[in-house]
Each structure stands twice: as C-alpha cells, then as structure tokens.
C-alpha cells in the first residue's frame, strides 16, 4: 500500500493537534479566570470544526482533507482579524498546523487513489 507513511504522519500529527486542543480547552475551562466572549465562542466553534473534520479525514482522506483546508483558512482569517500585533505570526500559528495536516491527508488519499488504478 503506497502512501502509508504519509497517512501515518498525517494521523500522528492530527492526533497530537487534537490532544493539544482538548488539553488547552480543558485547562481554560478549569481556570475560568477570563470572561467568555464572542471571540472565544467563535474560536471554540472553529476548533470543534477542526476536530470534526480531522476525524472525518481519518476515514475519507480527500474530502475530509479539503474540508480541513477550509477550516484552516477560517482559523487563519479569524486570527488575522483578532490579532493585535504580528498578524502573520498569528495566522501561521492558528491555521498553519491544520493546513499541513490537510495537505498530508489529501496527498495520502491521492496516492492511494492512483495506486488503485491498474496500469495498462
């Protein structure tokens, strides 16, 4: 099976990403020192969408990866609009890891799709 290494890399990075997001979310809930704002709600929705599309990407790599790429762009746009300084750093940190995961899933899916086509 071709593309197995890329699939394992994508799944490993995505599992680490989901773990970090869940850990940060749980720590934020337990600390509860900052008031809950509309920005926090939008970020929560975007992170839940990222987690859902990562789970989808584990089963449908190309479609899930494409949806994950849209979520990464949404996270980047959100970071661009809400960052005070260093906008591009915020965009890279918010959308970059999700974008890399999406590209890895799409590439893995394409390699597997073309590997199943018989050669003439």
PDB file of N, CA and C in Angstrom:
ATOM      1  N   UNK A   1       0.848  -1.179   0.000  1.00  0.00           N
ATOM      2  CA  UNK A   1       0.000   0.000   0.000  1.00  0.00           C
ATOM      3  C   UNK A   1       0.890   1.237   0.000  1.00  0.00           C
ATOM      4  N   UNK A   2       0.801   2.009  -1.073  1.00  0.00           N
ATOM      5  CA  UNK A   2       1.601   3.219  -1.184  1.00  0.00           C
ATOM      6  C   UNK A   2       0.983   4.336  -0.346  1.00  0.00           C
ATOM      7  N   UNK A   3       1.799   5.257   0.089  1.00  0.00           N
ATOM      8  CA  UNK A   3       1.310   6.391   0.863  1.00  0.00           C
ATOM      9  C   UNK A   3       1.051   6.090   2.325  1.00  0.00           C
ATOM     10  N   UNK A   4       1.477   4.918   2.785  1.00  0.00           N
ATOM     11  CA  UNK A   4       1.202   4.542   4.171  1.00  0.00           C
ATOM     12  C   UNK A   4       1.964   5.445   5.146  1.00  0.00           C
ATOM     13  N   UNK A   5       3.201   5.800   4.785  1.00  0.00           N
ATOM     14  CA  UNK A   5       3.988   6.678   5.654  1.00  0.00           C
ATOM     15  C   UNK A   5       3.370   8.061   5.790  1.00  0.00           C
ATOM     16  N   UNK A   6       2.846   8.574   4.676  1.00  0.00           N
ATOM     17  CA  UNK A   6       2.196   9.887   4.720  1.00  0.00           C
ATOM     18  C   UNK A   6       0.925   9.813   5.550  1.00  0.00           C
ATOM     19  N   UNK A   7       0.183   8.713   5.406  1.00  0.00           N
ATOM     20  CA  UNK A   7      -1.047   8.547   6.193  1.00  0.00           C
ATOM     21  C   UNK A   7      -0.732   8.481   7.681  1.00  0.00           C
ATOM     22  N   UNK A   8       0.305   7.724   8.039  1.00  0.00           N
ATOM     23  CA  UNK A   8       0.679   7.610   9.450  1.00  0.00           C
ATOM     24  C   UNK A   8       1.143   8.958   9.984  1.00  0.00           C
ATOM     25  N   UNK A   9       1.911   9.698   9.183  1.00  0.00           N
ATOM     26  CA  UNK A   9       2.356  11.039   9.594  1.00  0.00           C
ATOM     27  C   UNK A   9       1.164  11.968   9.807  1.00  0.00           C
ATOM     28  N   UNK A  10       0.230  11.965   8.865  1.00  0.00           N
ATOM     29  CA  UNK A  10      -0.957  12.823   8.985  1.00  0.00           C
ATOM     30  C   UNK A  10      -1.769  12.457  10.219  1.00  0.00           C
ATOM     31  N   UNK A  11      -1.942  11.173  10.458  1.00  0.00           N
ATOM     32  CA  UNK A  11      -2.734  10.754  11.622  1.00  0.00           C
ATOM     33  C   UNK A  11      -2.021  11.064  12.931  1.00  0.00           C
ATOM     34  N   UNK A  12      -0.698  10.924  12.950  1.00  0.00           N
ATOM     35  CA  UNK A  12       0.055  11.224  14.168  1.00  0.00           C
ATOM     36  C   UNK A  12       0.000  12.709  14.490  1.00  0.00           C
ATOM     37  N   UNK A  13       0.270  13.536  13.489  1.00  0.00           N
ATOM     38  CA  UNK A  13       0.239  14.990  13.717  1.00  0.00           C
ATOM     39  C   UNK A  13      -1.166  15.435  14.099  1.00  0.00           C
ATOM     40  N   UNK A  14      -2.176  14.865  13.446  1.00  0.00           N
ATOM     41  CA  UNK A  14      -3.546  15.270  13.781  1.00  0.00           C
ATOM     42  C   UNK A  14      -3.934  14.822  15.185  1.00  0.00           C
ATOM     43  N   UNK A  15      -3.480  13.648  15.608  1.00  0.00           N
ATOM     44  CA  UNK A  15      -3.783  13.194  16.975  1.00  0.00           C
ATOM     45  C   UNK A  15      -3.119  14.095  18.008  1.00  0.00           C
ATOM     46  N   UNK A  16      -1.885  14.506  17.742  1.00  0.00           N
ATOM     47  CA  UNK A  16      -1.193  15.428  18.655  1.00  0.00           C
ATOM     48  C   UNK A  16      -1.920  16.771  18.687  1.00  0.00           C
ATOM     49  N   UNK A  17      -2.336  17.249  17.517  1.00  0.00           N
ATOM     50  CA  UNK A  17      -3.055  18.532  17.448  1.00  0.00           C
ATOM     51  C   UNK A  17      -4.364  18.470  18.234  1.00  0.00           C
ATOM     52  N   UNK A  18      -5.138  17.413  18.025  1.00  0.00           N
ATOM     53  CA  UNK A  18      -6.411  17.276  18.746  1.00  0.00           C
ATOM     54  C   UNK A  18      -6.159  17.169  20.245  1.00  0.00           C
ATOM     55  N   UNK A  19      -5.139  16.423  20.630  1.00  0.00           N
ATOM     56  CA  UNK A  19      -4.804  16.307  22.047  1.00  0.00           C
ATOM     57  C   UNK A  19      -4.450  17.651  22.667  1.00  0.00           C
ATOM     58  N   UNK A  20      -3.658  18.433  21.955  1.00  0.00           N
ATOM     59  CA  UNK A  20      -3.301  19.762  22.475  1.00  0.00           C
ATOM     60  C   UNK A  20      -4.515  20.681  22.573  1.00  0.00           C
ATOM     61  N   UNK A  21      -5.366  20.647  21.565  1.00  0.00           N
ATOM     62  CA  UNK A  21      -6.567  21.494  21.592  1.00  0.00           C
ATOM     63  C   UNK A  21      -7.476  21.093  22.753  1.00  0.00           C
ATOM     64  N   UNK A  22      -7.660  19.799  22.953  1.00  0.00           N
ATOM     65  CA  UNK A  22      -8.501  19.351  24.067  1.00  0.00           C
ATOM     66  C   UNK A  22      -7.873  19.687  25.413  1.00  0.00           C
ATOM     67  N   UNK A  23      -6.544  19.557  25.519  1.00  0.00           N
ATOM     68  CA  UNK A  23      -5.861  19.902  26.767  1.00  0.00           C
ATOM     69  C   UNK A  23      -5.986  21.400  27.060  1.00  0.00           C
ATOM     70  N   UNK A  24      -5.761  22.226  26.045  1.00  0.00           N
ATOM     71  CA  UNK A  24      -5.865  23.673  26.233  1.00  0.00           C
ATOM     72  C   UNK A  24      -7.303  24.061  26.579  1.00  0.00           C
ATOM     73  N   UNK A  25      -8.276  23.433  25.905  1.00  0.00           N
ATOM     74  CA  UNK A  25      -9.685  23.719  26.199  1.00  0.00           C
ATOM     75  C   UNK A  25     -10.068  23.322  27.613  1.00  0.00           C
ATOM     76  N   UNK A  26      -9.610  22.157  28.056  1.00  0.00           N
ATOM     77  CA  UNK A  26      -9.914  21.711  29.422  1.00  0.00           C
ATOM     78  C   UNK A  26      -9.243  22.617  30.452  1.00  0.00           C
ATOM     79  N   UNK A  27      -7.998  23.019  30.189  1.00  0.00           N
ATOM     80  CA  UNK A  27      -7.310  23.925  31.111  1.00  0.00           C
ATOM     81  C   UNK A  27      -8.013  25.275  31.177  1.00  0.00           C
ATOM     82  N   UNK A  28      -8.508  25.731  30.034  1.00  0.00           N
ATOM     83  CA  UNK A  28      -9.224  27.011  30.004  1.00  0.00           C
ATOM     84  C   UNK A  28     -10.533  26.928  30.791  1.00  0.00           C
ATOM     85  N   UNK A  29     -11.221  25.811  30.686  1.00  0.00           N
ATOM     86  CA  UNK A  29     -12.467  25.637  31.441  1.00  0.00           C
ATOM     87  C   UNK A  29     -12.213  25.540  32.939  1.00  0.00           C
ATOM     88  N   UNK A  30     -11.144  24.833  33.304  1.00  0.00           N
ATOM     89  CA  UNK A  30     -10.839  24.671  34.724  1.00  0.00           C
ATOM     90  C   UNK A  30     -10.343  25.969  35.348  1.00  0.00           C
ATOM     91  N   UNK A  31      -9.589  26.745  34.608  1.00  0.00           N
ATOM     92  CA  UNK A  31      -9.088  28.020  35.142  1.00  0.00           C
ATOM     93  C   UNK A  31     -10.224  29.026  35.255  1.00  0.00           C
ATOM     94  N   UNK A  32     -10.983  29.183  34.186  1.00  0.00           N
ATOM     95  CA  UNK A  32     -12.170  30.051  34.143  1.00  0.00           C
ATOM     96  C   UNK A  32     -11.934  31.426  34.751  1.00  0.00           C
ATOM     97  N   UNK A  33     -10.774  31.987  34.487  1.00  0.00           N
ATOM     98  CA  UNK A  33     -10.489  33.316  35.016  1.00  0.00           C
ATOM     99  C   UNK A  33     -10.896  34.417  34.040  1.00  0.00           C
ATOM    100  N   UNK A  34     -10.835  34.128  32.764  1.00  0.00           N
ATOM    101  CA  UNK A  34     -11.202  35.117  31.764  1.00  0.00           C
ATOM    102  C   UNK A  34     -12.697  34.997  31.453  1.00  0.00           C
ATOM    103  N   UNK A  35     -13.345  36.118  31.215  1.00  0.00           N
ATOM    104  CA  UNK A  35     -14.767  36.055  30.859  1.00  0.00           C
ATOM    105  C   UNK A  35     -14.939  35.441  29.469  1.00  0.00           C
ATOM    106  N   UNK A  36     -16.058  34.779  29.252  1.00  0.00           N
ATOM    107  CA  UNK A  36     -16.353  34.158  27.972  1.00  0.00           C
ATOM    108  C   UNK A  36     -16.861  35.230  27.018  1.00  0.00           C
ATOM    109  N   UNK A  37     -16.184  35.405  25.897  1.00  0.00           N
ATOM    110  CA  UNK A  37     -16.522  36.461  24.940  1.00  0.00           C
ATOM    111  C   UNK A  37     -17.008  35.847  23.630  1.00  0.00           C
ATOM    112  N   UNK A  38     -17.459  36.713  22.740  1.00  0.00           N
ATOM    113  CA  UNK A  38     -17.892  36.242  21.424  1.00  0.00           C
ATOM    114  C   UNK A  38     -16.703  35.699  20.625  1.00  0.00           C
ATOM    115  N   UNK A  39     -15.524  36.287  20.815  1.00  0.00           N
ATOM    116  CA  UNK A  39     -14.326  35.769  20.150  1.00  0.00           C
ATOM    117  C   UNK A  39     -14.017  34.354  20.631  1.00  0.00           C
ATOM    118  N   UNK A  40     -14.184  34.116  21.917  1.00  0.00           N
ATOM    119  CA  UNK A  40     -13.974  32.784  22.465  1.00  0.00           C
ATOM    120  C   UNK A  40     -14.960  31.779  21.902  1.00  0.00           C
ATOM    121  N   UNK A  41     -16.194  32.208  21.703  1.00  0.00           N
ATOM    122  CA  UNK A  41     -17.211  31.328  21.133  1.00  0.00           C
ATOM    123  C   UNK A  41     -16.880  30.972  19.692  1.00  0.00           C
ATOM    124  N   UNK A  42     -16.461  31.959  18.899  1.00  0.00           N
ATOM    125  CA  UNK A  42     -16.097  31.693  17.503  1.00  0.00           C
ATOM    126  C   UNK A  42     -14.893  30.757  17.442  1.00  0.00           C
ATOM    127  N   UNK A  43     -13.902  30.986  18.289  1.00  0.00           N
ATOM    128  CA  UNK A  43     -12.735  30.115  18.319  1.00  0.00           C
ATOM    129  C   UNK A  43     -13.110  28.698  18.738  1.00  0.00           C
ATOM    130  N   UNK A  44     -14.009  28.567  19.697  1.00  0.00           N
ATOM    131  CA  UNK A  44     -14.489  27.249  20.120  1.00  0.00           C
ATOM    132  C   UNK A  44     -15.166  26.520  18.966  1.00  0.00           C
ATOM    133  N   UNK A  45     -16.016  27.216  18.241  1.00  0.00           N
ATOM    134  CA  UNK A  45     -16.706  26.612  17.098  1.00  0.00           C
ATOM    135  C   UNK A  45     -15.706  26.189  16.025  1.00  0.00           C
ATOM    136  N   UNK A  46     -14.718  27.040  15.743  1.00  0.00           N
ATOM    137  CA  UNK A  46     -13.718  26.702  14.728  1.00  0.00           C
ATOM    138  C   UNK A  46     -12.856  25.514  15.159  1.00  0.00           C
ATOM    139  N   UNK A  47     -12.503  25.451  16.431  1.00  0.00           N
ATOM    140  CA  UNK A  47     -11.694  24.323  16.903  1.00  0.00           C
ATOM    141  C   UNK A  47     -12.500  23.026  16.899  1.00  0.00           C
ATOM    142  N   UNK A  48     -13.771  23.095  17.251  1.00  0.00           N
ATOM    143  CA  UNK A  48     -14.623  21.905  17.177  1.00  0.00           C
ATOM    144  C   UNK A  48     -14.804  21.453  15.727  1.00  0.00           C
ATOM    145  N   UNK A  49     -14.894  22.426  14.813  1.00  0.00           N
ATOM    146  CA  UNK A  49     -14.970  22.084  13.387  1.00  0.00           C
ATOM    147  C   UNK A  49     -13.675  21.430  12.926  1.00  0.00           C
ATOM    148  N   UNK A  50     -12.540  21.915  13.429  1.00  0.00           N
ATOM    149  CA  UNK A  50     -11.249  21.314  13.075  1.00  0.00           C
ATOM    150  C   UNK A  50     -11.174  19.880  13.584  1.00  0.00           C
ATOM    151  N   UNK A  51     -11.605  19.655  14.811  1.00  0.00           N
ATOM    152  CA  UNK A  51     -11.578  18.301  15.369  1.00  0.00           C
ATOM    153  C   UNK A  51     -12.512  17.380  14.581  1.00  0.00           C
ATOM    154  N   UNK A  52     -13.702  17.861  14.248  1.00  0.00           N
ATOM    155  CA  UNK A  52     -14.661  17.041  13.496  1.00  0.00           C
ATOM    156  C   UNK A  52     -14.134  16.701  12.106  1.00  0.00           C
ATOM    157  N   UNK A  53     -13.522  17.667  11.433  1.00  0.00           N
ATOM    158  CA  UNK A  53     -13.010  17.384  10.090  1.00  0.00           C
ATOM    159  C   UNK A  53     -11.753  16.513  10.139  1.00  0.00           C
ATOM    160  N   UNK A  54     -10.987  16.590  11.218  1.00  0.00           N
ATOM    161  CA  UNK A  54      -9.850  15.681  11.369  1.00  0.00           C
ATOM    162  C   UNK A  54     -10.349  14.253  11.517  1.00  0.00           C
ATOM    163  N   UNK A  55     -11.393  14.063  12.309  1.00  0.00           N
ATOM    164  CA  UNK A  55     -11.966  12.719  12.451  1.00  0.00           C
ATOM    165  C   UNK A  55     -12.500  12.241  11.105  1.00  0.00           C
ATOM    166  N   UNK A  56     -13.141  13.118  10.356  1.00  0.00           N
ATOM    167  CA  UNK A  56     -13.652  12.773   9.033  1.00  0.00           C
ATOM    168  C   UNK A  56     -12.496  12.406   8.093  1.00  0.00           C
ATOM    169  N   UNK A  57     -11.383  13.130   8.211  1.00  0.00           N
ATOM    170  CA  UNK A  57     -10.225  12.877   7.351  1.00  0.00           C
ATOM    171  C   UNK A  57      -9.601  11.514   7.605  1.00  0.00           C
ATOM    172  N   UNK A  58      -9.773  10.976   8.775  1.00  0.00           N
ATOM    173  CA  UNK A  58      -9.232   9.645   9.054  1.00  0.00           C
ATOM    174  C   UNK A  58      -9.942   8.595   8.202  1.00  0.00           C
ATOM    175  N   UNK A  59     -11.189   8.853   7.824  1.00  0.00           N
ATOM    176  CA  UNK A  59     -11.964   7.877   7.066  1.00  0.00           C
ATOM    177  C   UNK A  59     -12.071   8.230   5.585  1.00  0.00           C
ATOM    178  N   UNK A  60     -12.255   9.482   5.277  1.00  0.00           N
ATOM    179  CA  UNK A  60     -12.344   9.970   3.892  1.00  0.00           C
ATOM    180  C   UNK A  60     -11.262  11.022   3.713  1.00  0.00           C
ATOM    181  N   UNK A  61     -10.096  10.573   3.257  1.00  0.00           N
ATOM    182  CA  UNK A  61      -8.920  11.440   3.294  1.00  0.00           C
ATOM    183  C   UNK A  61      -9.042  12.655   2.384  1.00  0.00           C
ATOM    184  N   UNK A  62      -9.495  12.485   1.159  1.00  0.00           N
ATOM    185  CA  UNK A  62      -9.512  13.601   0.216  1.00  0.00           C
ATOM    186  C   UNK A  62     -10.608  14.601   0.581  1.00  0.00           C
ATOM    187  N   UNK A  63     -11.811  14.119   0.778  1.00  0.00           N
ATOM    188  CA  UNK A  63     -12.913  15.029   1.130  1.00  0.00           C
ATOM    189  C   UNK A  63     -12.700  15.670   2.499  1.00  0.00           C
ATOM    190  N   UNK A  64     -12.295  14.865   3.463  1.00  0.00           N
ATOM    191  CA  UNK A  64     -12.035  15.405   4.794  1.00  0.00           C
ATOM    192  C   UNK A  64     -10.878  16.389   4.784  1.00  0.00           C
ATOM    193  N   UNK A  65      -9.837  16.087   3.991  1.00  0.00           N
ATOM    194  CA  UNK A  65      -8.700  16.996   3.877  1.00  0.00           C
ATOM    195  C   UNK A  65      -9.097  18.319   3.245  1.00  0.00           C
ATOM    196  N   UNK A  66      -9.974  18.269   2.242  1.00  0.00           N
ATOM    197  CA  UNK A  66     -10.449  19.504   1.619  1.00  0.00           C
ATOM    198  C   UNK A  66     -11.262  20.337   2.607  1.00  0.00           C
ATOM    199  N   UNK A  67     -12.114  19.680   3.368  1.00  0.00           N
ATOM    200  CA  UNK A  67     -12.889  20.398   4.399  1.00  0.00           C
ATOM    201  C   UNK A  67     -11.967  20.946   5.479  1.00  0.00           C
ATOM    202  N   UNK A  68     -10.949  20.172   5.822  1.00  0.00           N
ATOM    203  CA  UNK A  68      -9.984  20.618   6.830  1.00  0.00           C
ATOM    204  C   UNK A  68      -9.201  21.828   6.334  1.00  0.00           C
ATOM    205  N   UNK A  69      -8.924  21.870   5.030  1.00  0.00           N
ATOM    206  CA  UNK A  69      -8.239  23.025   4.464  1.00  0.00           C
ATOM    207  C   UNK A  69      -9.111  24.281   4.581  1.00  0.00           C
ATOM    208  N   UNK A  70     -10.410  24.133   4.370  1.00  0.00           N
ATOM    209  CA  UNK A  70     -11.319  25.270   4.553  1.00  0.00           C
ATOM    210  C   UNK A  70     -11.342  25.733   6.012  1.00  0.00           C
ATOM    211  N   UNK A  71     -11.312  24.786   6.925  1.00  0.00           N
ATOM    212  CA  UNK A  71     -11.267  25.143   8.351  1.00  0.00           C
ATOM    213  C   UNK A  71      -9.962  25.855   8.683  1.00  0.00           C
ATOM    214  N   UNK A  72      -8.861  25.417   8.069  1.00  0.00           N
ATOM    215  CA  UNK A  72      -7.577  26.082   8.334  1.00  0.00           C
ATOM    216  C   UNK A  72      -7.607  27.515   7.832  1.00  0.00           C
ATOM    217  N   UNK A  73      -8.223  27.734   6.662  1.00  0.00           N
ATOM    218  CA  UNK A  73      -8.351  29.106   6.170  1.00  0.00           C
ATOM    219  C   UNK A  73      -9.242  29.938   7.092  1.00  0.00           C
ATOM    220  N   UNK A  74     -10.303  29.323   7.628  1.00  0.00           N
ATOM    221  CA  UNK A  74     -11.183  30.032   8.564  1.00  0.00           C
ATOM    222  C   UNK A  74     -10.433  30.411   9.841  1.00  0.00           C
ATOM    223  N   UNK A  75      -9.626  29.489  10.357  1.00  0.00           N
ATOM    224  CA  UNK A  75      -8.825  29.795  11.548  1.00  0.00           C
ATOM    225  C   UNK A  75      -7.823  30.907  11.260  1.00  0.00           C
ATOM    226  N   UNK A  76      -7.225  30.877  10.073  1.00  0.00           N
ATOM    227  CA  UNK A  76      -6.252  31.912   9.713  1.00  0.00           C
ATOM    228  C   UNK A  76      -6.918  33.274   9.580  1.00  0.00           C
ATOM    229  N   UNK A  77      -8.083  33.317   8.962  1.00  0.00           N
ATOM    230  CA  UNK A  77      -8.805  34.586   8.816  1.00  0.00           C
ATOM    231  C   UNK A  77      -9.236  35.104  10.183  1.00  0.00           C
ATOM    232  N   UNK A  78      -9.696  34.209  11.051  1.00  0.00           N
ATOM    233  CA  UNK A  78     -10.070  34.619  12.405  1.00  0.00           C
ATOM    234  C   UNK A  78      -8.871  35.205  13.142  1.00  0.00           C
ATOM    235  N   UNK A  79      -7.714  34.555  13.025  1.00  0.00           N
ATOM    236  CA  UNK A  79      -6.508  35.057  13.683  1.00  0.00           C
ATOM    237  C   UNK A  79      -6.087  36.398  13.105  1.00  0.00           C
ATOM    238  N   UNK A  80      -6.224  36.548  11.805  1.00  0.00           N
ATOM    239  CA  UNK A  80      -5.868  37.814  11.160  1.00  0.00           C
ATOM    240  C   UNK A  80      -6.743  38.961  11.657  1.00  0.00           C
ATOM    241  N   UNK A  81      -8.021  38.679  11.874  1.00  0.00           N
ATOM    242  CA  UNK A  81      -8.951  39.719  12.320  1.00  0.00           C
ATOM    243  C   UNK A  81      -8.848  40.032  13.804  1.00  0.00           C
ATOM    244  N   UNK A  82      -8.400  39.078  14.617  1.00  0.00           N
ATOM    245  CA  UNK A  82      -8.420  39.301  16.063  1.00  0.00           C
ATOM    246  C   UNK A  82      -7.048  39.573  16.671  1.00  0.00           C
ATOM    247  N   UNK A  83      -5.980  39.333  15.928  1.00  0.00           N
ATOM    248  CA  UNK A  83      -4.636  39.537  16.483  1.00  0.00           C
ATOM    249  C   UNK A  83      -4.353  41.029  16.631  1.00  0.00           C
ATOM    250  N   UNK A  84      -3.717  41.380  17.730  1.00  0.00           N
ATOM    251  CA  UNK A  84      -3.367  42.773  17.948  1.00  0.00           C
ATOM    252  C   UNK A  84      -2.120  43.170  17.179  1.00  0.00           C
ATOM    253  N   UNK A  85      -1.071  42.417  17.332  1.00  0.00           N
ATOM    254  CA  UNK A  85       0.193  42.659  16.643  1.00  0.00           C
ATOM    255  C   UNK A  85       0.635  41.341  16.013  1.00  0.00           C
ATOM    256  N   UNK A  86       1.622  41.407  15.145  1.00  0.00           N
ATOM    257  CA  UNK A  86       2.176  40.222  14.486  1.00  0.00           C
ATOM    258  C   UNK A  86       1.079  39.379  13.841  1.00  0.00           C
ATOM    259  N   UNK A  87       0.344  39.990  12.948  1.00  0.00           N
ATOM    260  CA  UNK A  87      -0.778  39.314  12.297  1.00  0.00           C
ATOM    261  C   UNK A  87      -0.353  38.032  11.589  1.00  0.00           C
ATOM    262  N   UNK A  88       0.768  38.080  10.877  1.00  0.00           N
ATOM    263  CA  UNK A  88       1.168  36.906  10.096  1.00  0.00           C
ATOM    264  C   UNK A  88       1.650  35.765  10.992  1.00  0.00           C
ATOM    265  N   UNK A  89       2.221  36.100  12.113  1.00  0.00           N
ATOM    266  CA  UNK A  89       2.584  35.055  13.068  1.00  0.00           C
ATOM    267  C   UNK A  89       1.320  34.380  13.605  1.00  0.00           C
ATOM    268  N   UNK A  90       0.315  35.174  13.924  1.00  0.00           N
ATOM    269  CA  UNK A  90      -0.952  34.620  14.413  1.00  0.00           C
ATOM    270  C   UNK A  90      -1.617  33.754  13.349  1.00  0.00           C
ATOM    271  N   UNK A  91      -1.574  34.198  12.095  1.00  0.00           N
ATOM    272  CA  UNK A  91      -2.162  33.422  11.007  1.00  0.00           C
ATOM    273  C   UNK A  91      -1.444  32.089  10.854  1.00  0.00           C
ATOM    274  N   UNK A  92      -0.109  32.124  10.925  1.00  0.00           N
ATOM    275  CA  UNK A  92       0.677  30.908  10.773  1.00  0.00           C
ATOM    276  C   UNK A  92       0.434  29.935  11.917  1.00  0.00           C
ATOM    277  N   UNK A  93       0.369  30.441  13.125  1.00  0.00           N
ATOM    278  CA  UNK A  93       0.169  29.571  14.285  1.00  0.00           C
ATOM    279  C   UNK A  93      -1.252  29.012  14.314  1.00  0.00           C
ATOM    280  N   UNK A  94      -2.234  29.814  13.944  1.00  0.00           N
ATOM    281  CA  UNK A  94      -3.625  29.357  14.013  1.00  0.00           C
ATOM    282  C   UNK A  94      -3.983  28.415  12.871  1.00  0.00           C
ATOM    283  N   UNK A  95      -3.631  28.774  11.658  1.00  0.00           N
ATOM    284  CA  UNK A  95      -4.047  27.970  10.512  1.00  0.00           C
ATOM    285  C   UNK A  95      -2.987  27.040   9.965  1.00  0.00           C
ATOM    286  N   UNK A  96      -1.734  27.284  10.285  1.00  0.00           N
ATOM    287  CA  UNK A  96      -0.630  26.515   9.714  1.00  0.00           C
ATOM    288  C   UNK A  96      -0.653  25.028  10.008  1.00  0.00           C
ATOM    289  N   UNK A  97      -0.739  24.627  11.271  1.00  0.00           N
ATOM    290  CA  UNK A  97      -0.742  23.188  11.562  1.00  0.00           C
ATOM    291  C   UNK A  97      -1.925  22.459  10.923  1.00  0.00           C
ATOM    292  N   UNK A  98      -3.080  23.078  10.924  1.00  0.00           N
ATOM    293  CA  UNK A  98      -4.262  22.450  10.341  1.00  0.00           C
ATOM    294  C   UNK A  98      -4.098  22.341   8.824  1.00  0.00           C
ATOM    295  N   UNK A  99      -3.491  23.354   8.211  1.00  0.00           N
ATOM    296  CA  UNK A  99      -3.241  23.325   6.767  1.00  0.00           C
ATOM    297  C   UNK A  99      -2.279  22.188   6.404  1.00  0.00           C
ATOM    298  N   UNK A 100      -1.215  22.028   7.196  1.00  0.00           N
ATOM    299  CA  UNK A 100      -0.248  20.954   6.939  1.00  0.00           C
ATOM    300  C   UNK A 100      -0.914  19.590   7.070  1.00  0.00           C
ATOM    301  N   UNK A 101      -1.737  19.422   8.087  1.00  0.00           N
ATOM    302  CA  UNK A 101      -2.457  18.160   8.274  1.00  0.00           C
ATOM    303  C   UNK A 101      -3.382  17.901   7.081  1.00  0.00           C
ATOM    304  N   UNK A 102      -4.081  18.943   6.615  1.00  0.00           N
ATOM    305  CA  UNK A 102      -4.991  18.798   5.475  1.00  0.00           C
ATOM    306  C   UNK A 102      -4.227  18.375   4.219  1.00  0.00           C
ATOM    307  N   UNK A 103      -3.085  19.012   3.963  1.00  0.00           N
ATOM    308  CA  UNK A 103      -2.292  18.660   2.778  1.00  0.00           C
ATOM    309  C   UNK A 103      -1.808  17.219   2.868  1.00  0.00           C
ATOM    310  N   UNK A 104      -1.365  16.794   4.043  1.00  0.00           N
ATOM    311  CA  UNK A 104      -0.904  15.416   4.202  1.00  0.00           C
ATOM    312  C   UNK A 104      -2.031  14.406   3.951  1.00  0.00           C
ATOM    313  N   UNK A 105      -3.224  14.686   4.456  1.00  0.00           N
ATOM    314  CA  UNK A 105      -4.348  13.782   4.219  1.00  0.00           C
ATOM    315  C   UNK A 105      -4.719  13.737   2.734  1.00  0.00           C
ATOM    316  N   UNK A 106      -4.734  14.897   2.083  1.00  0.00           N
ATOM    317  CA  UNK A 106      -5.082  14.928   0.663  1.00  0.00           C
ATOM    318  C   UNK A 106      -4.049  14.177  -0.166  1.00  0.00           C
ATOM    319  N   UNK A 107      -2.772  14.409   0.105  1.00  0.00           N
ATOM    320  CA  UNK A 107      -1.716  13.715  -0.638  1.00  0.00           C
ATOM    321  C   UNK A 107      -1.805  12.209  -0.415  1.00  0.00           C
ATOM    322  N   UNK A 108      -2.024  11.794   0.809  1.00  0.00           N
ATOM    323  CA  UNK A 108      -2.161  10.370   1.109  1.00  0.00           C
ATOM    324  C   UNK A 108      -3.344   9.765   0.369  1.00  0.00           C
ATOM    325  N   UNK A 109      -4.459  10.469   0.359  1.00  0.00           N
ATOM    326  CA  UNK A 109      -5.639   9.981  -0.352  1.00  0.00           C
ATOM    327  C   UNK A 109      -5.421   9.895  -1.851  1.00  0.00           C
ATOM    328  N   UNK A 110      -4.746  10.897  -2.415  1.00  0.00           N
ATOM    329  CA  UNK A 110      -4.472  10.870  -3.857  1.00  0.00           C
ATOM    330  C   UNK A 110      -3.515   9.746  -4.229  1.00  0.00           C
ATOM    331  N   UNK A 111      -2.492   9.527  -3.405  1.00  0.00           N
ATOM    332  CA  UNK A 111      -1.559   8.431  -3.679  1.00  0.00           C
ATOM    333  C   UNK A 111      -2.301   7.097  -3.648  1.00  0.00           C
ATOM    334  N   UNK A 112      -3.150   6.916  -2.671  1.00  0.00           N
ATOM    335  CA  UNK A 112      -3.912   5.659  -2.581  1.00  0.00           C
ATOM    336  C   UNK A 112      -4.903   5.524  -3.732  1.00  0.00           C
ATOM    337  N   UNK A 113      -5.501   6.634  -4.141  1.00  0.00           N
ATOM    338  CA  UNK A 113      -6.463   6.585  -5.244  1.00  0.00           C
ATOM    339  C   UNK A 113      -5.760   6.207  -6.548  1.00  0.00           C
ATOM    340  N   UNK A 114      -4.605   6.814  -6.825  1.00  0.00           N
ATOM    341  CA  UNK A 114      -3.892   6.496  -8.058  1.00  0.00           C
ATOM    342  C   UNK A 114      -3.202   5.137  -7.998  1.00  0.00           C
ATOM    343  N   UNK A 115      -2.913   4.648  -6.815  1.00  0.00           N
ATOM    344  CA  UNK A 115      -2.308   3.324  -6.688  1.00  0.00           C
ATOM    345  C   UNK A 115      -3.310   2.222  -6.995  1.00  0.00           C
ATOM    346  N   UNK A 116      -4.590   2.516  -6.875  1.00  0.00           N
ATOM    347  CA  UNK A 116      -5.625   1.510  -7.144  1.00  0.00           C
ATOM    348  C   UNK A 116      -5.983   1.421  -8.617  1.00  0.00           C
ATOM    349  N   UNK A 117      -5.546   2.391  -9.422  1.00  0.00           N
ATOM    350  CA  UNK A 117      -5.843   2.374 -10.850  1.00  0.00           C
ATOM    351  C   UNK A 117      -4.858   1.410 -11.517  1.00  0.00           C
ATOM    352  N   UNK A 118      -5.359   0.412 -12.200  1.00  0.00           N
ATOM    353  CA  UNK A 118      -4.439  -0.541 -12.835  1.00  0.00           C
ATOM    354  C   UNK A 118      -3.706   0.099 -14.009  1.00  0.00           C
ATOM    355  N   UNK A 119      -2.436  -0.264 -14.144  1.00  0.00           N
ATOM    356  CA  UNK A 119      -1.647   0.256 -15.250  1.00  0.00           C
ATOM    357  C   UNK A 119      -1.926  -0.561 -16.488  1.00  0.00           C
ATOM    358  N   UNK A 120      -1.867   0.094 -17.664  1.00  0.00           N
ATOM    359  CA  UNK A 120      -2.145  -0.593 -18.937  1.00  0.00           C
ATOM    360  C   UNK A 120      -0.873  -1.112 -19.553  1.00  0.00           C
TER     361      UNK A 120
END
